[in-house]
Amino acid sequence: MSTERTIQRQPTAPSHHFCSVIARPDIEERLHSSTIAVYDAGIKLDGRRNRGRLVEVLAIGPGRWVAGERQPADVAPGQLVYIKERTVSFRLHLRKQDHFFIAMDAVMAELDRENLRLKPLGQFIVTRAVEERARVAIMGGLPFHVGATPDTGKAGQEADDIGCNTTRIEEVVAVGPGRFGGFRQRIVDTDGLGFNFVLATEPWWETPDCKPGDLVVFTDMARPTTITLAGRQFTLFEYDHNICSILDKASV
């Protein structure tokens, strides 16, 4: 028998590119010791952590108008997705439940609940720590262990305005479709014979320049969110904050 709580889906109609979501701690607690934390590494924003939350999408808006077309939705009703708590822009209390409204492109990833996998959305990518691979990429075949990913933290006068800048090197697990770029037109041969053509409008996305298996470098400036599913730890951050890829043997 399912132990999930019943969600009273009070109908709302989000506007623009917003979606309405509701927290699902009942599911989160049963995700095989799933825990969510954020890697701070010295950065403080008003003294609060930028925590992640598992939520269910209840409804979606029609999308932004872009060049006379509606921007495609990033999520769909019924999906379980991860968001950052600080991205919540509005809260509405309906029938003893808190409903939150956020921009759809602020959603980090969809949860594949059956396989306990993350499907990143937009510019987000999923990575994981691979200490031995990172060590070999940096040190080559030197016969000693240098510990975890090298820390290039700075202190004192060398520190920047917002704190230490710790470097992390991790392996890409999954890549989102990218940031929505707009619409473009192309000529389509409708009959395949070259007699009838139409001008079709299609959406396009700015695809991240990385792929699963790449070894990427980023810092705490990316505000990465760490999510643990079934004992496996993954990192989510926006690809715009990636610094470079290391071309070791595994990624070439």
Protein backbone atom coordinates (compact mmCIF):
# COMPACT_ATOMS: atom_id res chain seq x y z
CA MET A 1 0.00 0.00 0.00
CA SER A 2 1.36 3.41 -0.91
CA THR A 3 2.30 5.65 2.02
CA GLU A 4 2.42 8.83 -0.05
CA ARG A 5 0.29 11.66 1.18
CA THR A 6 -2.66 12.81 -0.88
CA ILE A 7 -2.07 16.06 -2.76
CA GLN A 8 -5.05 18.40 -2.94
CA ARG A 9 -4.48 19.82 -6.41
CA GLN A 10 -6.15 23.18 -6.08
CA PRO A 11 -6.45 24.38 -9.69
CA THR A 12 -4.36 27.36 -10.69
CA ALA A 13 -3.42 28.71 -14.11
CA PRO A 14 0.20 29.96 -14.12
CA SER A 15 0.98 32.82 -16.48
CA HIS A 16 3.83 33.36 -18.92
CA HIS A 17 6.69 30.87 -18.44
CA PHE A 18 5.80 30.07 -14.82
CA CYS A 19 4.84 26.69 -13.39
CA SER A 20 3.18 25.89 -10.10
CA VAL A 21 4.82 23.26 -7.89
CA ILE A 22 4.32 21.71 -4.50
CA ALA A 23 6.97 20.20 -2.22
CA ARG A 24 7.04 16.39 -1.96
CA PRO A 25 9.03 15.58 1.21
CA ASP A 26 7.06 12.33 1.54
CA ILE A 27 8.70 11.04 -1.65
CA GLU A 28 12.06 12.58 -0.93
CA GLU A 29 12.37 10.79 2.40
CA ARG A 30 11.94 7.40 0.72
CA LEU A 31 14.48 7.85 -2.07
CA HIS A 32 16.89 5.32 -0.58
CA SER A 33 18.61 7.67 1.87
CA SER A 34 18.32 10.61 -0.50
CA THR A 35 19.80 13.76 0.97
CA ILE A 36 20.19 17.17 -0.56
CA ALA A 37 22.86 19.70 0.33
CA VAL A 38 24.68 22.54 -1.34
CA TYR A 39 28.42 22.94 -1.66
CA ASP A 40 29.14 26.35 -0.10
CA ALA A 41 32.96 26.52 -0.07
CA GLY A 42 33.06 29.93 1.48
CA ILE A 43 30.42 31.72 -0.55
CA LYS A 44 27.65 33.27 1.50
CA LEU A 45 24.52 34.91 0.15
CA ASP A 46 22.75 36.71 2.99
CA GLY A 47 24.04 33.97 5.27
CA ARG A 48 21.61 31.39 3.87
CA ARG A 49 22.26 28.14 2.05
CA ASN A 50 20.94 27.71 -1.47
CA ARG A 51 19.23 24.41 -0.77
CA GLY A 52 17.56 22.12 -3.29
CA ARG A 53 14.06 20.70 -3.02
CA LEU A 54 12.13 17.88 -4.68
CA VAL A 55 8.77 19.16 -5.93
CA GLU A 56 5.91 18.00 -8.12
CA VAL A 57 4.78 20.12 -11.06
CA LEU A 58 1.06 20.84 -10.81
CA ALA A 59 0.44 23.17 -13.74
CA ILE A 60 2.37 25.11 -16.37
CA GLY A 61 1.85 28.43 -18.12
CA PRO A 62 1.43 28.94 -21.87
CA GLY A 63 5.05 30.08 -22.26
CA ARG A 64 6.77 33.35 -23.10
CA TRP A 65 6.10 35.05 -26.42
CA VAL A 66 9.30 34.93 -28.50
CA ALA A 67 9.25 36.29 -32.07
CA GLY A 68 5.51 35.64 -32.34
CA GLU A 69 5.68 32.07 -31.00
CA ARG A 70 5.27 30.52 -27.56
CA GLN A 71 8.46 29.22 -25.95
CA PRO A 72 8.16 25.43 -25.47
CA ALA A 73 7.56 24.24 -21.93
CA ASP A 74 10.54 22.87 -20.00
CA VAL A 75 8.41 20.71 -17.70
CA ALA A 76 5.01 18.99 -17.67
CA PRO A 77 2.33 18.48 -15.00
CA GLY A 78 2.98 15.43 -12.84
CA GLN A 79 6.76 15.49 -13.15
CA LEU A 80 8.98 15.26 -10.08
CA VAL A 81 11.75 17.83 -10.38
CA TYR A 82 14.50 19.45 -8.35
CA ILE A 83 14.61 23.20 -7.83
CA LYS A 84 16.77 25.49 -5.74
CA GLU A 85 14.89 26.86 -2.78
CA ARG A 86 16.01 30.42 -3.45
CA THR A 87 14.56 30.38 -6.97
CA VAL A 88 11.01 30.28 -5.57
CA SER A 89 9.57 33.63 -6.54
CA PHE A 90 6.07 33.44 -5.11
CA ARG A 91 4.16 31.36 -2.57
CA LEU A 92 0.40 30.92 -2.43
CA HIS A 93 -1.28 29.14 0.49
CA LEU A 94 -4.27 27.16 -0.79
CA ARG A 95 -6.28 24.74 1.36
CA LYS A 96 -3.50 24.28 3.93
CA GLN A 97 -0.86 23.66 1.26
CA ASP A 98 1.93 25.90 0.03
CA HIS A 99 1.97 26.22 -3.75
CA PHE A 100 5.05 27.81 -5.28
CA PHE A 101 5.37 29.51 -8.65
CA ILE A 102 8.73 29.56 -10.42
CA ALA A 103 10.03 30.10 -13.93
CA MET A 104 10.17 26.79 -15.79
CA ASP A 105 13.74 27.40 -16.93
CA ALA A 106 14.79 27.64 -13.26
CA VAL A 107 14.08 23.91 -12.77
CA MET A 108 17.37 22.00 -12.45
CA ALA A 109 16.43 18.41 -13.32
CA GLU A 110 13.66 15.88 -13.62
CA LEU A 111 13.82 12.81 -11.38
CA ASP A 112 13.50 9.38 -12.99
CA ARG A 113 11.98 7.84 -9.89
CA GLU A 114 12.03 4.28 -11.17
CA ASN A 115 15.75 4.23 -12.04
CA LEU A 116 16.81 6.93 -9.54
CA ARG A 117 18.46 9.00 -12.23
CA LEU A 118 18.56 12.72 -12.91
CA LYS A 119 17.59 14.21 -16.26
CA PRO A 120 19.02 17.76 -16.33
CA LEU A 121 17.00 20.53 -17.94
CA GLY A 122 18.05 23.71 -19.69
CA GLN A 123 21.70 24.67 -19.15
CA PHE A 124 22.12 22.33 -16.18
CA ILE A 125 24.52 19.38 -16.30
CA VAL A 126 24.97 16.46 -13.89
CA THR A 127 28.47 15.47 -12.80
CA ARG A 128 30.05 13.08 -10.31
CA ALA A 129 33.35 13.02 -8.45
CA VAL A 130 36.02 10.71 -9.92
CA GLU A 131 39.04 11.32 -7.71
CA GLU A 132 41.37 8.77 -9.32
CA ARG A 133 40.64 9.96 -12.84
CA ALA A 134 41.12 13.59 -11.76
CA ARG A 135 44.40 12.68 -10.03
CA VAL A 136 45.78 10.96 -13.13
CA ALA A 137 44.64 13.83 -15.37
CA ILE A 138 46.54 16.31 -13.18
CA MET A 139 49.54 14.34 -11.98
CA GLY A 140 49.99 11.82 -14.80
CA GLY A 141 51.68 8.59 -13.78
CA LEU A 142 53.38 9.95 -10.66
CA PRO A 143 53.36 7.16 -8.03
CA PHE A 144 51.81 9.06 -5.15
CA HIS A 145 48.36 10.14 -4.09
CA VAL A 146 47.56 13.83 -3.95
CA GLY A 147 44.23 13.44 -2.22
CA ALA A 148 40.93 14.84 -3.42
CA THR A 149 40.50 17.39 -6.18
CA PRO A 150 43.17 20.10 -5.72
CA ASP A 151 42.03 23.10 -3.72
CA THR A 152 43.05 26.46 -5.11
CA GLY A 153 41.33 28.33 -2.31
CA LYS A 154 42.59 31.81 -1.53
CA ALA A 155 42.60 33.65 1.74
CA GLY A 156 43.34 37.11 3.03
CA GLN A 157 44.10 39.73 0.41
CA GLU A 158 44.13 37.10 -2.34
CA ALA A 159 40.50 36.21 -1.74
CA ASP A 160 37.90 37.79 -3.99
CA ASP A 161 34.82 39.71 -2.90
CA ILE A 162 32.64 36.75 -2.06
CA GLY A 163 35.01 34.22 -0.55
CA CYS A 164 37.34 31.39 -1.42
CA ASN A 165 37.30 29.98 -4.94
CA THR A 166 37.71 26.21 -4.68
CA THR A 167 38.28 24.29 -7.91
CA ARG A 168 36.42 21.04 -8.56
CA ILE A 169 37.08 18.49 -11.30
CA GLU A 170 34.28 16.01 -12.01
CA GLU A 171 32.99 13.72 -14.74
CA VAL A 172 29.87 14.63 -16.73
CA VAL A 173 27.03 12.15 -16.27
CA ALA A 174 24.20 13.85 -18.17
CA VAL A 175 23.70 17.08 -20.12
CA GLY A 176 20.57 19.20 -20.46
CA PRO A 177 19.20 20.29 -23.85
CA GLY A 178 20.55 23.82 -23.33
CA ARG A 179 19.13 27.30 -23.02
CA PHE A 180 16.22 28.14 -25.32
CA GLY A 181 17.58 30.25 -28.17
CA GLY A 182 14.44 31.26 -30.03
CA PHE A 183 12.86 30.20 -33.33
CA ARG A 184 14.27 29.78 -36.82
CA GLN A 185 12.74 29.06 -40.17
CA ARG A 186 13.64 26.37 -42.67
CA ILE A 187 12.23 25.18 -45.99
CA VAL A 188 10.56 21.77 -45.80
CA ASP A 189 9.88 19.53 -48.81
CA THR A 190 6.40 18.26 -47.96
CA ASP A 191 6.04 15.63 -50.69
CA GLY A 192 9.65 14.48 -50.96
CA LEU A 193 9.61 15.08 -54.71
CA GLY A 194 10.74 18.69 -54.79
CA PHE A 195 7.41 20.11 -55.96
CA ASN A 196 5.81 21.36 -52.75
CA PHE A 197 7.68 23.39 -50.16
CA VAL A 198 6.58 25.17 -47.00
CA LEU A 199 8.39 27.52 -44.65
CA ALA A 200 8.43 25.88 -41.20
CA THR A 201 9.22 27.61 -37.91
CA GLU A 202 11.03 25.50 -35.31
CA PRO A 203 12.54 26.17 -31.88
CA TRP A 204 16.26 25.78 -31.19
CA TRP A 205 18.44 25.55 -28.08
CA GLU A 206 21.98 26.66 -27.20
CA THR A 207 23.43 23.19 -26.60
CA PRO A 208 26.15 22.90 -23.92
CA ASP A 209 29.60 22.11 -25.37
CA CYS A 210 30.16 18.97 -23.34
CA LYS A 211 29.02 15.36 -23.33
CA PRO A 212 28.77 12.48 -20.84
CA GLY A 213 32.22 11.22 -19.93
CA ASP A 214 33.96 14.61 -20.22
CA LEU A 215 36.11 15.73 -17.31
CA VAL A 216 35.08 19.31 -16.53
CA VAL A 217 36.46 22.00 -14.25
CA PHE A 218 34.29 24.40 -12.25
CA THR A 219 34.48 26.34 -9.01
CA ASP A 220 32.23 27.19 -6.09
CA MET A 221 31.21 30.26 -8.09
CA ALA A 222 28.86 27.89 -9.97
CA ARG A 223 26.86 27.35 -6.76
CA PRO A 224 26.71 23.58 -7.44
CA THR A 225 23.97 21.57 -5.75
CA THR A 226 24.86 18.10 -4.50
CA ILE A 227 22.14 15.44 -4.64
CA THR A 228 22.58 11.92 -3.24
CA LEU A 229 20.39 9.15 -4.65
CA ALA A 230 20.68 5.58 -3.38
CA GLY A 231 24.11 6.31 -1.94
CA ARG A 232 25.44 7.84 -5.17
CA GLN A 233 26.37 11.50 -5.09
CA PHE A 234 25.81 13.80 -8.06
CA THR A 235 26.39 17.50 -8.69
CA LEU A 236 24.11 19.87 -10.59
CA PHE A 237 25.21 23.26 -11.93
CA GLU A 238 24.66 25.47 -14.96
CA TYR A 239 27.11 24.85 -17.80
CA ASP A 240 27.67 28.59 -18.23
CA HIS A 241 29.84 28.36 -15.10
CA ASN A 242 32.06 25.60 -16.50
CA ILE A 243 35.67 26.72 -16.97
CA CYS A 244 37.17 24.06 -19.24
CA SER A 245 37.37 20.35 -20.03
CA ILE A 246 40.47 18.26 -19.37
CA LEU A 247 41.35 16.11 -22.39
CA ASP A 248 42.52 12.92 -20.71
CA LYS A 249 42.49 9.52 -22.43
CA ALA A 250 38.97 8.73 -21.25
CA SER A 251 37.46 11.82 -22.88
CA VAL A 252 39.40 11.97 -26.16
